[in-house]
Each structure stands twice: as structure tokens, then as C-alpha cells.
Amino acid sequence: MLATKKKQAVIKKNQIHDKDTGSPEVQVAVLSIQIDELAKHLKKHKKDNHSRRGLIKMVADRRTHLKYLERKDKTRYNALVKKMDLK
């Protein structure tokens, strides 16, 4: 689970305007942080298959957001991939 202050910092760093919490950039950034934290958890707890399923679902969700952004606005997609160091 992501701490509220950490999540707010990630949102503030990636938002397009002041009240932006739902743009693809913000959603991908939040999912990326959650994926990183869950991956660390799974390195310690190798048999936690319920969390592993959640991780796979989050990765698929992030990929869906990235595909949407790539389809809608290629320049924003490229900027996000470079900023988040994805792919």
C-alpha cells in the first residue's frame, strides 16, 4: 500500500494542472510506484501468490494506460516513457 504523502508527491510531480489526478501520466506514475513497492515485497515473500496476481493486474493496467496515451498523443507518451524510464 502506498503512503498518502508519497502518493501525493508523485501526483504533484506528474500532474498537468493543479487539480489533475486522473490523467494518464499521473495514473502511470502512481501505478509504477505501486509496482515497485509490490515487487520489493514479493522478493521477500516469494510464495505470496495473491499479491503476485495483483502485481500482474497492475502491470497490465499500466500498459493499458500507456497504449491509450500512445494512441492519443505520441509526444506526451514519449515524454512520459522517458521521464519514468519505462521500456
Protein backbone atom coordinates (compact mmCIF):
# COMPACT_ATOMS: atom_id res chain seq x y z
CA MET A 1 0.00 0.00 0.00
CA LEU A 2 1.28 3.41 -0.95
CA ALA A 3 1.62 6.05 1.79
CA THR A 4 -0.59 9.09 1.27
CA LYS A 5 2.26 11.63 1.34
CA LYS A 6 4.31 9.61 -1.13
CA LYS A 7 1.33 9.25 -3.46
CA GLN A 8 0.59 12.98 -3.26
CA ALA A 9 4.23 13.77 -4.10
CA VAL A 10 4.09 11.51 -7.16
CA ILE A 11 0.82 13.09 -8.28
CA LYS A 12 2.16 16.62 -7.79
CA LYS A 13 5.29 15.77 -9.80
CA ASN A 14 3.36 14.35 -12.77
CA GLN A 15 0.15 16.36 -12.91
CA ILE A 16 -0.66 18.55 -15.90
CA HIS A 17 -2.63 21.19 -13.97
CA ASP A 18 -3.32 21.92 -10.29
CA LYS A 19 -6.30 19.61 -9.77
CA ASP A 20 -5.16 16.82 -12.08
CA THR A 21 -5.34 13.36 -10.53
CA GLY A 22 -6.74 11.29 -13.38
CA SER A 23 -4.61 11.97 -16.43
CA PRO A 24 -2.79 9.00 -17.93
CA GLU A 25 0.56 10.46 -16.84
CA VAL A 26 -0.49 10.59 -13.19
CA GLN A 27 -2.08 7.15 -13.28
CA VAL A 28 1.00 5.57 -14.87
CA ALA A 29 3.27 7.27 -12.32
CA VAL A 30 1.19 6.07 -9.35
CA LEU A 31 0.95 2.55 -10.76
CA SER A 32 4.72 2.49 -11.35
CA ILE A 33 5.43 3.38 -7.72
CA GLN A 34 2.94 0.75 -6.51
CA ILE A 35 4.50 -1.84 -8.83
CA ASP A 36 7.98 -1.08 -7.49
CA GLU A 37 6.85 -1.43 -3.87
CA LEU A 38 4.97 -4.66 -4.55
CA ALA A 39 7.96 -6.10 -6.42
CA LYS A 40 10.13 -5.43 -3.34
CA HIS A 41 7.53 -7.19 -1.19
CA LEU A 42 7.48 -10.21 -3.50
CA LYS A 43 11.26 -10.54 -3.38
CA LYS A 44 10.97 -11.14 0.37
CA HIS A 45 7.76 -13.19 0.24
CA LYS A 46 8.20 -15.47 -2.74
CA LYS A 47 5.11 -17.59 -2.06
CA ASP A 48 2.65 -14.70 -1.80
CA ASN A 49 0.65 -15.60 -4.90
CA HIS A 50 -2.30 -13.34 -4.10
CA SER A 51 -0.06 -10.28 -4.19
CA ARG A 52 1.64 -11.60 -7.32
CA ARG A 53 -1.74 -11.68 -9.05
CA GLY A 54 -2.31 -8.06 -8.00
CA LEU A 55 1.10 -7.12 -9.39
CA ILE A 56 0.31 -8.69 -12.75
CA LYS A 57 -3.01 -6.86 -12.85
CA MET A 58 -1.30 -3.52 -12.07
CA VAL A 59 1.30 -4.08 -14.80
CA ALA A 60 -1.47 -4.82 -17.30
CA ASP A 61 -3.38 -1.71 -16.19
CA ARG A 62 -0.28 0.46 -16.60
CA ARG A 63 0.30 -1.00 -20.04
CA THR A 64 -3.31 -0.18 -20.99
CA HIS A 65 -2.86 3.44 -19.90
CA LEU A 66 0.38 3.67 -21.87
CA LYS A 67 -1.27 2.27 -25.00
CA TYR A 68 -4.09 4.78 -24.65
CA LEU A 69 -1.69 7.68 -24.28
CA GLU A 70 0.42 6.48 -27.22
CA ARG A 71 -2.70 6.33 -29.38
CA LYS A 72 -4.00 9.76 -28.32
CA ASP A 73 -0.84 11.87 -28.03
CA LYS A 74 2.51 10.45 -29.13
CA THR A 75 4.58 13.36 -27.79
CA ARG A 76 3.12 13.08 -24.27
CA TYR A 77 3.68 9.32 -24.42
CA ASN A 78 7.33 9.71 -25.41
CA ALA A 79 7.89 12.32 -22.70
CA LEU A 80 6.32 10.07 -20.05
CA VAL A 81 8.29 6.98 -21.08
CA LYS A 82 11.50 8.97 -20.96
CA LYS A 83 10.63 10.61 -17.63
CA MET A 84 9.57 7.36 -15.94
CA ASP A 85 12.38 5.36 -17.60
CA LEU A 86 9.99 2.70 -18.95
CA LYS A 87 10.60 0.25 -21.79
